[in-house]
Amino acid sequence: MAAEQHPAAPRSDGPGWEVARPAQDEIPEATRVFATAINIPLNDLLDTERDHPVNEPDRFLVVRDGDRVVGTTNSHRFSLSVPGGPRPAAGVTGVGVLPTHRRRGILTALLRGQLADLRQRGENLAILWASEGGIYGRYGYGRAFRQHTYSVSRAHAALRADAPRDPSLTLDLAEPADVLPELDLLHRAAQDERTGGFPREGNWWKLRLWMLSRPQPDTSPLRAALVRDPQGRPVGSALHRVTTGYGEGGLPTGTVTVRELTALTPAARTALYEFLLHTDLTAETEIIGLPEDDPLPALLADPAQAVRRGGGGLWLRLVDVPAALAERTYAHPLDTVIEVADRHAPWNAGRWHLKTDGEHARVESTEADPDLSLDAAHLGGAYLGRGPVTTHVDAGVATEHTPGAAARLDTALYTPRAPRCDTGF
């Protein structure tokens, strides 16, 4: 069925493809297109959306070939933690084009149309998890940070003797659903310590726990380890599961898999790590989704025993360059002119005079000579403070016209703690 055109639906400047909002009864078809495009089981996706809905239908966008949906994108409304506090951001998801229609400009039309739509909504930032990282840099997204998985064998899991310990803290195990208010309190507090995350409002907690609890062979249910202070207030938590196994001679080969760890104090972090790293009848603990500067190696008696593997990275785009640069704070004062190239959001292209005292920033269009020329994707990668522009200058894909301009911008953008986002979307 042909969908009714939403009055505010964006139109693409792509090669003949019109971007439109689907009718409500077309959304299942759009879901099928996405599932086909990225090779995931359709039933899992449909079950997720039916039982744990988080979508807002008016944020769906599609491209049709005749009366058939052949491409789709979607987004969620988030309040993203950035330097200076939470800001509205769009969590881009559901991006896919049918294999029969690839390399015909449909993805370009979708993402350009979505950028125009987000700008109309006043959402100056867009974020996404990329299944293929090589795609999104072409559309102005830069990888803002990468998270990591740490593995520690139980045989080498001793913490330093001077690790902060507080015997007044208590640690309990609970069903996550039974302590959800405390988990949410901790999660919200953690958003104030690092950039890159957002509160789990609406159905996001329900969806997250469902995703982490899906049955796995020889694996325990999801458990919450909760640390409380003497007044009973939560100060740390870890969502984890234990997989059992035995090898030659009956030696345990089990793994503790930690999917989330939050600690508001150093002593709470020590309590959680000592509990998780020394679980009986296991050989290893794996902690997934930690920021690149997590204190775990510094807590171990032998830091080299924390084996780190690369994980997923969050990509960020400035939907509106001057507005996004003006709404964050900076580590140092800065007065610079940046020339931005942005072929998919032409309202961003040009020269921008950025002046800030650190707390307040003003960004205005200018004809002055630029200190630095770069792509919108480079700004997206640097926005949360851990994607140096200097790297792009050294690579020759950004140009420094004034010596030291890239380093001064990096210094102003810098955040002392690495970003983290512990919610997939």
Protein backbone atom coordinates (compact mmCIF):
# COMPACT_ATOMS: atom_id res chain seq x y z
CA MET A 1 0.00 0.00 0.00
CA ALA A 2 1.31 3.44 -0.86
CA ALA A 3 1.89 5.50 2.27
CA GLU A 4 0.37 8.87 2.90
CA GLN A 5 2.93 11.64 2.72
CA HIS A 6 3.49 13.30 6.10
CA PRO A 7 3.29 17.08 5.64
CA ALA A 8 6.69 17.58 7.26
CA ALA A 9 8.46 14.66 5.60
CA PRO A 10 11.84 15.64 4.14
CA ARG A 11 12.57 15.40 0.46
CA SER A 12 15.98 14.25 -0.66
CA ASP A 13 18.26 15.97 -3.13
CA GLY A 14 19.51 12.51 -4.10
CA PRO A 15 19.32 11.08 -7.63
CA GLY A 16 15.59 10.74 -8.10
CA TRP A 17 14.77 9.01 -4.80
CA GLU A 18 12.14 10.57 -2.57
CA VAL A 19 12.43 10.18 1.18
CA ALA A 20 9.07 9.92 2.93
CA ARG A 21 7.50 8.82 6.19
CA PRO A 22 5.78 5.44 6.00
CA ALA A 23 2.16 4.89 6.91
CA GLN A 24 1.68 3.00 10.17
CA ASP A 25 0.84 -0.24 8.34
CA GLU A 26 4.08 0.05 6.31
CA ILE A 27 6.36 -0.07 9.35
CA PRO A 28 6.47 -3.91 9.43
CA GLU A 29 7.57 -3.81 5.79
CA ALA A 30 10.29 -1.30 6.65
CA THR A 31 11.40 -3.61 9.47
CA ARG A 32 11.67 -6.50 7.01
CA VAL A 33 13.82 -4.38 4.70
CA PHE A 34 16.20 -3.58 7.56
CA ALA A 35 16.39 -7.22 8.68
CA THR A 36 17.14 -8.34 5.13
CA ALA A 37 19.74 -5.62 4.62
CA ILE A 38 21.85 -6.56 7.65
CA ASN A 39 21.14 -10.32 7.66
CA ILE A 40 19.46 -10.70 11.04
CA PRO A 41 16.48 -12.97 11.88
CA LEU A 42 13.28 -11.10 11.11
CA ASN A 43 11.28 -12.78 13.88
CA ASP A 44 13.77 -11.60 16.53
CA LEU A 45 13.45 -8.05 15.30
CA LEU A 46 9.66 -8.14 15.10
CA ASP A 47 9.41 -9.73 18.56
CA THR A 48 11.66 -7.04 20.00
CA GLU A 49 9.62 -4.21 18.54
CA ARG A 50 6.31 -5.78 19.58
CA ASP A 51 7.26 -6.74 23.14
CA HIS A 52 9.68 -3.92 23.94
CA PRO A 53 8.63 -0.97 21.79
CA VAL A 54 10.89 2.07 21.84
CA ASN A 55 10.19 3.41 18.37
CA GLU A 56 8.42 6.65 17.52
CA PRO A 57 6.67 6.13 14.16
CA ASP A 58 7.14 9.71 12.98
CA ARG A 59 10.93 9.23 13.07
CA PHE A 60 10.88 6.44 10.48
CA LEU A 61 11.95 7.39 6.95
CA VAL A 62 11.78 5.20 3.86
CA VAL A 63 12.55 5.21 0.16
CA ARG A 64 10.25 3.35 -2.22
CA ASP A 65 10.74 1.89 -5.65
CA GLY A 66 7.20 2.16 -6.99
CA ASP A 67 4.96 1.08 -4.13
CA ARG A 68 7.60 -1.12 -2.46
CA VAL A 69 9.85 -0.02 0.43
CA VAL A 70 13.49 -0.60 -0.54
CA GLY A 71 15.37 1.49 2.01
CA THR A 72 14.80 2.64 5.57
CA THR A 73 16.27 4.60 8.45
CA ASN A 74 15.02 5.48 11.91
CA SER A 75 16.14 7.34 15.02
CA HIS A 76 15.43 7.65 18.73
CA ARG A 77 15.31 10.76 20.90
CA PHE A 78 18.07 10.81 23.50
CA SER A 79 19.51 13.24 26.01
CA LEU A 80 23.22 12.76 25.34
CA SER A 81 25.84 13.56 27.94
CA VAL A 82 28.31 16.04 26.42
CA PRO A 83 30.80 18.49 27.97
CA GLY A 84 28.60 21.00 29.72
CA GLY A 85 25.62 18.72 30.36
CA PRO A 86 22.96 16.71 28.53
CA ARG A 87 21.88 17.83 25.06
CA PRO A 88 19.20 16.53 22.66
CA ALA A 89 20.58 13.97 20.22
CA ALA A 90 19.21 11.52 17.70
CA GLY A 91 20.19 7.87 18.01
CA VAL A 92 20.26 6.70 14.41
CA THR A 93 19.23 3.10 13.82
CA GLY A 94 17.42 0.83 11.35
CA VAL A 95 19.56 1.94 8.39
CA GLY A 96 19.33 -0.50 5.51
CA VAL A 97 18.83 -0.88 1.76
CA LEU A 98 17.67 -4.06 0.07
CA PRO A 99 20.56 -5.97 -1.57
CA THR A 100 18.76 -5.64 -4.91
CA HIS A 101 18.91 -1.84 -4.70
CA ARG A 102 22.39 -1.09 -3.40
CA ARG A 103 24.79 1.39 -5.00
CA ARG A 104 21.98 3.34 -6.57
CA GLY A 105 22.03 6.38 -4.27
CA ILE A 106 19.29 5.23 -1.88
CA LEU A 107 21.45 5.29 1.26
CA THR A 108 22.66 8.77 0.38
CA ALA A 109 19.10 9.97 -0.12
CA LEU A 110 18.02 8.46 3.21
CA LEU A 111 20.84 9.89 5.28
CA ARG A 112 20.60 13.32 3.67
CA GLY A 113 16.85 13.34 4.22
CA GLN A 114 17.32 12.27 7.82
CA LEU A 115 19.84 15.05 8.48
CA ALA A 116 17.38 17.63 7.17
CA ASP A 117 14.65 16.12 9.34
CA LEU A 118 16.81 16.14 12.49
CA ARG A 119 17.77 19.74 11.87
CA GLN A 120 14.09 20.68 11.68
CA ARG A 121 13.57 18.94 15.02
CA GLY A 122 16.33 21.00 16.63
CA GLU A 123 18.54 17.98 17.32
CA ASN A 124 22.07 19.22 16.68
CA LEU A 125 23.79 15.88 17.26
CA ALA A 126 23.32 12.39 15.82
CA ILE A 127 24.95 9.20 17.11
CA LEU A 128 25.02 5.60 15.93
CA TRP A 129 26.64 2.21 16.40
CA ALA A 130 28.06 1.21 13.03
CA SER A 131 27.85 -2.39 11.78
CA GLU A 132 30.32 -1.32 9.08
CA GLY A 133 32.48 1.57 10.19
CA GLY A 134 33.73 2.38 6.71
CA ILE A 135 30.30 3.57 5.62
CA TYR A 136 29.47 6.41 7.94
CA GLY A 137 32.59 8.52 7.68
CA ARG A 138 31.47 9.31 4.15
CA TYR A 139 28.30 10.85 5.58
CA GLY A 140 29.95 13.13 8.13
CA TYR A 141 30.02 10.77 11.13
CA GLY A 142 33.27 10.43 13.06
CA ARG A 143 34.11 7.73 15.57
CA ALA A 144 33.93 9.60 18.86
CA PHE A 145 35.26 6.78 21.01
CA ARG A 146 35.81 3.06 21.22
CA GLN A 147 34.96 0.76 24.10
CA HIS A 148 36.88 -2.33 25.08
CA THR A 149 36.55 -5.80 26.56
CA TYR A 150 38.97 -6.74 29.32
CA SER A 151 39.74 -10.36 30.20
CA VAL A 152 41.48 -11.39 33.43
CA SER A 153 42.35 -14.98 34.34
CA ARG A 154 41.44 -15.97 37.86
CA ALA A 155 44.99 -17.15 38.46
CA HIS A 156 46.27 -13.58 37.99
CA ALA A 157 43.35 -11.59 39.38
CA ALA A 158 44.90 -10.27 42.60
CA LEU A 159 44.33 -6.58 43.21
CA ARG A 160 46.95 -4.24 44.64
CA ALA A 161 47.37 -4.32 48.39
CA ASP A 162 46.65 -0.59 48.53
CA ALA A 163 43.46 -0.77 46.44
CA PRO A 164 40.79 1.21 48.33
CA ARG A 165 38.70 -1.11 50.47
CA ASP A 166 35.83 -0.20 52.77
CA PRO A 167 34.61 -2.96 55.11
CA SER A 168 31.43 -1.00 55.83
CA LEU A 169 30.19 -1.64 52.28
CA THR A 170 27.87 -4.57 51.66
CA LEU A 171 27.46 -6.58 48.46
CA ASP A 172 24.32 -8.51 47.57
CA LEU A 173 23.10 -10.51 44.59
CA ALA A 174 19.63 -9.81 43.22
CA GLU A 175 17.38 -10.25 40.23
CA PRO A 176 17.92 -7.12 38.14
CA ALA A 177 14.19 -6.43 37.87
CA ASP A 178 13.89 -6.47 41.67
CA VAL A 179 16.47 -3.70 42.13
CA LEU A 180 15.71 -1.69 38.99
CA PRO A 181 15.16 1.65 40.80
CA GLU A 182 18.64 1.35 42.36
CA LEU A 183 20.21 0.31 39.06
CA ASP A 184 18.60 3.30 37.36
CA LEU A 185 19.80 5.66 40.10
CA LEU A 186 23.37 4.44 39.59
CA HIS A 187 23.11 4.58 35.83
CA ARG A 188 21.86 8.18 35.87
CA ALA A 189 24.62 9.23 38.25
CA ALA A 190 27.22 7.67 35.97
CA GLN A 191 26.06 9.86 33.07
CA ASP A 192 27.37 12.88 34.97
CA GLU A 193 30.89 11.43 35.18
CA ARG A 194 31.51 10.66 31.51
CA THR A 195 30.27 11.92 28.18
CA GLY A 196 28.72 9.73 25.49
CA GLY A 197 25.83 8.11 27.36
CA PHE A 198 22.17 8.82 28.01
CA PRO A 199 19.56 7.89 30.64
CA ARG A 200 17.43 4.81 29.98
CA GLU A 201 14.03 6.39 29.88
CA GLY A 202 10.78 4.85 28.72
CA ASN A 203 11.25 1.19 27.78
CA TRP A 204 15.03 1.26 27.46
CA TRP A 205 15.69 -0.54 30.75
CA LYS A 206 13.16 -3.23 29.88
CA LEU A 207 14.74 -3.75 26.47
CA ARG A 208 18.29 -3.75 27.84
CA LEU A 209 17.57 -6.38 30.50
CA TRP A 210 15.71 -8.52 27.97
CA MET A 211 18.66 -8.40 25.57
CA LEU A 212 21.15 -9.36 28.30
CA SER A 213 18.94 -12.15 29.67
CA ARG A 214 18.31 -14.20 26.54
CA PRO A 215 18.98 -17.90 27.19
CA GLN A 216 22.47 -19.25 26.49
CA PRO A 217 23.71 -22.83 26.93
CA ASP A 218 25.28 -23.62 30.31
CA THR A 219 24.88 -20.00 31.40
CA SER A 220 23.26 -18.63 34.54
CA PRO A 221 20.47 -16.06 34.53
CA LEU A 222 21.49 -12.42 34.53
CA ARG A 223 22.39 -11.30 38.05
CA ALA A 224 22.90 -7.91 39.63
CA ALA A 225 25.71 -7.49 42.13
CA LEU A 226 24.80 -4.42 44.17
CA VAL A 227 27.13 -2.57 46.52
CA ARG A 228 25.56 -0.39 49.22
CA ASP A 229 27.03 2.02 51.77
CA PRO A 230 26.24 1.86 55.52
CA GLN A 231 23.10 3.94 54.95
CA GLY A 232 21.84 1.41 52.41
CA ARG A 233 22.41 3.67 49.41
CA PRO A 234 23.63 2.02 46.20
CA VAL A 235 27.18 2.98 45.22
CA GLY A 236 28.01 0.30 42.64
CA SER A 237 26.51 -2.46 40.52
CA ALA A 238 27.46 -5.10 37.98
CA LEU A 239 25.16 -7.01 35.65
CA HIS A 240 26.75 -10.37 34.93
CA ARG A 241 26.26 -14.03 34.02
CA VAL A 242 28.35 -17.14 34.67
CA THR A 243 29.01 -19.82 32.06
CA THR A 244 30.07 -23.17 33.49
CA GLY A 245 32.50 -25.63 31.98
CA TYR A 246 35.17 -28.19 32.90
CA GLY A 247 38.28 -29.22 31.04
CA GLU A 248 40.94 -31.89 31.37
CA GLY A 249 41.17 -33.30 34.86
CA GLY A 250 37.93 -31.65 35.84
CA LEU A 251 39.48 -28.20 36.07
CA PRO A 252 36.90 -25.41 35.75
CA THR A 253 36.90 -23.45 32.51
CA GLY A 254 33.90 -21.24 33.28
CA THR A 255 33.68 -17.53 32.52
CA VAL A 256 32.12 -14.63 34.36
CA THR A 257 30.77 -12.25 31.71
CA VAL A 258 30.14 -8.74 32.99
CA ARG A 259 27.91 -6.69 30.71
CA GLU A 260 27.75 -3.52 32.79
CA LEU A 261 29.75 -2.21 35.70
CA THR A 262 29.03 1.07 37.46
CA ALA A 263 30.89 2.39 40.50
CA LEU A 264 30.39 5.78 42.10
CA THR A 265 33.33 5.45 44.50
CA PRO A 266 36.78 3.82 44.24
CA ALA A 267 35.98 1.48 47.14
CA ALA A 268 32.78 0.31 45.43
CA ARG A 269 34.78 -0.45 42.28
CA THR A 270 37.29 -2.47 44.28
CA ALA A 271 34.50 -4.44 45.96
CA LEU A 272 32.91 -5.27 42.62
CA TYR A 273 36.14 -6.31 40.93
CA GLU A 274 37.25 -8.48 43.85
CA PHE A 275 33.90 -10.24 43.78
CA LEU A 276 33.76 -10.72 40.01
CA LEU A 277 37.40 -11.73 39.49
CA HIS A 278 37.31 -14.45 42.15
CA THR A 279 34.08 -16.31 41.41
CA ASP A 280 34.37 -19.98 42.37
CA LEU A 281 34.55 -22.66 39.66
CA THR A 282 35.55 -20.19 36.95
CA ALA A 283 38.81 -19.57 35.12
CA GLU A 284 38.30 -16.11 33.69
CA THR A 285 36.32 -12.89 34.02
CA GLU A 286 35.39 -10.89 30.94
CA ILE A 287 34.17 -7.31 31.30
CA ILE A 288 32.48 -5.93 28.19
CA GLY A 289 32.04 -2.30 27.15
CA LEU A 290 34.56 -0.54 29.38
CA PRO A 291 35.92 2.88 28.45
CA GLU A 292 39.50 3.03 27.24
CA ASP A 293 40.69 4.50 30.56
CA ASP A 294 38.85 2.19 32.95
CA PRO A 295 40.83 1.85 36.23
CA LEU A 296 40.91 -1.97 36.16
CA PRO A 297 44.56 -2.31 35.00
CA ALA A 298 45.65 0.23 37.62
CA LEU A 299 43.94 -1.85 40.34
CA LEU A 300 45.56 -5.15 39.42
CA ALA A 301 48.76 -6.21 41.15
CA ASP A 302 50.05 -6.98 37.64
CA PRO A 303 48.42 -4.54 35.19
CA ALA A 304 49.58 -6.60 32.20
CA GLN A 305 47.13 -9.34 33.20
CA ALA A 306 44.21 -7.20 32.02
CA VAL A 307 44.08 -8.31 28.38
CA ARG A 308 42.28 -5.70 26.31
CA ARG A 309 40.42 -6.29 23.06
CA GLY A 310 38.85 -3.66 20.87
CA GLY A 311 35.09 -3.34 20.98
CA GLY A 312 32.39 -1.27 19.38
CA GLY A 313 32.71 2.42 18.80
CA LEU A 314 30.09 5.14 18.91
CA TRP A 315 29.99 7.47 15.90
CA LEU A 316 28.87 11.07 16.22
CA ARG A 317 27.80 13.70 13.70
CA LEU A 318 27.22 17.42 14.06
CA VAL A 319 23.82 17.93 12.43
CA ASP A 320 24.19 21.69 12.88
CA VAL A 321 27.87 22.61 13.23
CA PRO A 322 27.59 26.13 14.73
CA ALA A 323 24.78 25.17 17.10
CA ALA A 324 26.54 22.00 18.28
CA LEU A 325 29.86 23.77 18.85
CA ALA A 326 28.11 26.56 20.75
CA GLU A 327 26.17 24.28 23.11
CA ARG A 328 29.13 22.48 24.72
CA THR A 329 31.76 23.75 27.16
CA TYR A 330 35.51 23.76 26.58
CA ALA A 331 38.54 22.92 28.69
CA HIS A 332 40.37 26.12 27.72
CA PRO A 333 39.59 29.44 26.02
CA LEU A 334 39.85 29.36 22.24
CA ASP A 335 39.57 31.85 19.39
CA THR A 336 39.85 30.19 15.99
CA VAL A 337 38.37 30.02 12.48
CA ILE A 338 37.44 26.57 11.21
CA GLU A 339 36.61 25.82 7.59
CA VAL A 340 34.20 22.87 7.37
CA ALA A 341 33.48 20.70 4.34
CA ASP A 342 30.09 18.95 4.48
CA ARG A 343 28.65 17.63 1.22
CA HIS A 344 25.60 16.01 2.83
CA ALA A 345 24.53 18.91 5.07
CA PRO A 346 25.36 22.00 3.00
CA TRP A 347 24.15 24.38 5.72
CA ASN A 348 27.29 23.39 7.66
CA ALA A 349 29.79 24.07 4.87
CA GLY A 350 31.83 27.24 5.22
CA ARG A 351 34.00 29.11 7.67
CA TRP A 352 33.03 29.40 11.32
CA HIS A 353 34.54 31.68 13.93
CA LEU A 354 34.57 29.83 17.26
CA LYS A 355 35.30 31.92 20.32
CA THR A 356 34.94 30.62 23.87
CA ASP A 357 36.06 31.49 27.35
CA GLY A 358 35.62 27.83 28.27
CA GLU A 359 32.17 28.12 29.79
CA HIS A 360 30.35 29.96 27.00
CA ALA A 361 30.93 29.74 23.27
CA ARG A 362 29.87 31.80 20.28
CA VAL A 363 30.04 30.50 16.71
CA GLU A 364 29.43 32.77 13.76
CA SER A 365 29.84 32.59 10.00
CA THR A 366 32.89 34.49 8.76
CA GLU A 367 34.88 35.34 5.64
CA ALA A 368 38.16 35.45 7.59
CA ASP A 369 41.05 33.19 6.61
CA PRO A 370 40.75 29.79 8.30
CA ASP A 371 43.20 28.48 10.86
CA LEU A 372 42.12 24.92 10.10
CA SER A 373 40.24 23.14 7.29
CA LEU A 374 38.60 19.80 7.94
CA ASP A 375 35.62 17.58 7.19
CA ALA A 376 32.48 17.49 9.32
CA ALA A 377 33.37 13.90 10.23
CA HIS A 378 36.60 15.07 11.89
CA LEU A 379 34.63 17.42 14.13
CA GLY A 380 32.19 14.65 14.95
CA GLY A 381 34.99 12.37 16.06
CA ALA A 382 36.54 15.11 18.21
CA TYR A 383 33.36 16.51 19.74
CA LEU A 384 33.36 14.42 22.93
CA GLY A 385 37.00 15.21 23.59
CA ARG A 386 38.86 12.03 22.68
CA GLY A 387 39.24 12.05 18.87
CA PRO A 388 42.20 14.34 18.18
CA VAL A 389 41.99 16.59 15.13
CA THR A 390 45.80 16.59 15.13
CA THR A 391 45.69 12.97 13.97
CA HIS A 392 43.79 13.97 10.82
CA VAL A 393 46.26 16.77 10.14
CA ASP A 394 49.16 14.33 10.50
CA ALA A 395 47.38 11.96 8.12
CA GLY A 396 47.03 14.74 5.55
CA VAL A 397 43.23 14.64 5.39
CA ALA A 398 42.81 17.91 7.31
CA THR A 399 44.84 21.07 6.73
CA GLU A 400 46.38 23.34 9.32
CA HIS A 401 46.83 26.87 7.98
CA THR A 402 47.98 28.38 11.27
CA PRO A 403 50.69 26.40 13.09
CA GLY A 404 49.35 24.81 16.25
CA ALA A 405 45.68 25.39 15.39
CA ALA A 406 44.79 21.69 15.57
CA ALA A 407 46.54 21.21 18.91
CA ARG A 408 44.78 24.24 20.38
CA LEU A 409 41.41 22.92 19.22
CA ASP A 410 42.18 19.47 20.67
CA THR A 411 43.20 21.02 23.98
CA ALA A 412 39.98 23.02 24.18
CA LEU A 413 37.80 20.01 23.29
CA TYR A 414 39.57 17.61 25.66
CA THR A 415 37.71 15.77 28.43
CA PRO A 416 39.70 14.13 31.28
CA ARG A 417 37.65 10.94 31.28
CA ALA A 418 37.05 8.92 28.14
CA PRO A 419 33.45 8.75 26.88
CA ARG A 420 31.28 5.70 27.40
CA CYS A 421 27.88 4.53 26.16
CA ASP A 422 26.54 1.31 27.66
CA THR A 423 23.23 1.14 25.77
CA GLY A 424 22.90 -0.30 22.29
CA PHE A 425 20.19 1.02 19.98
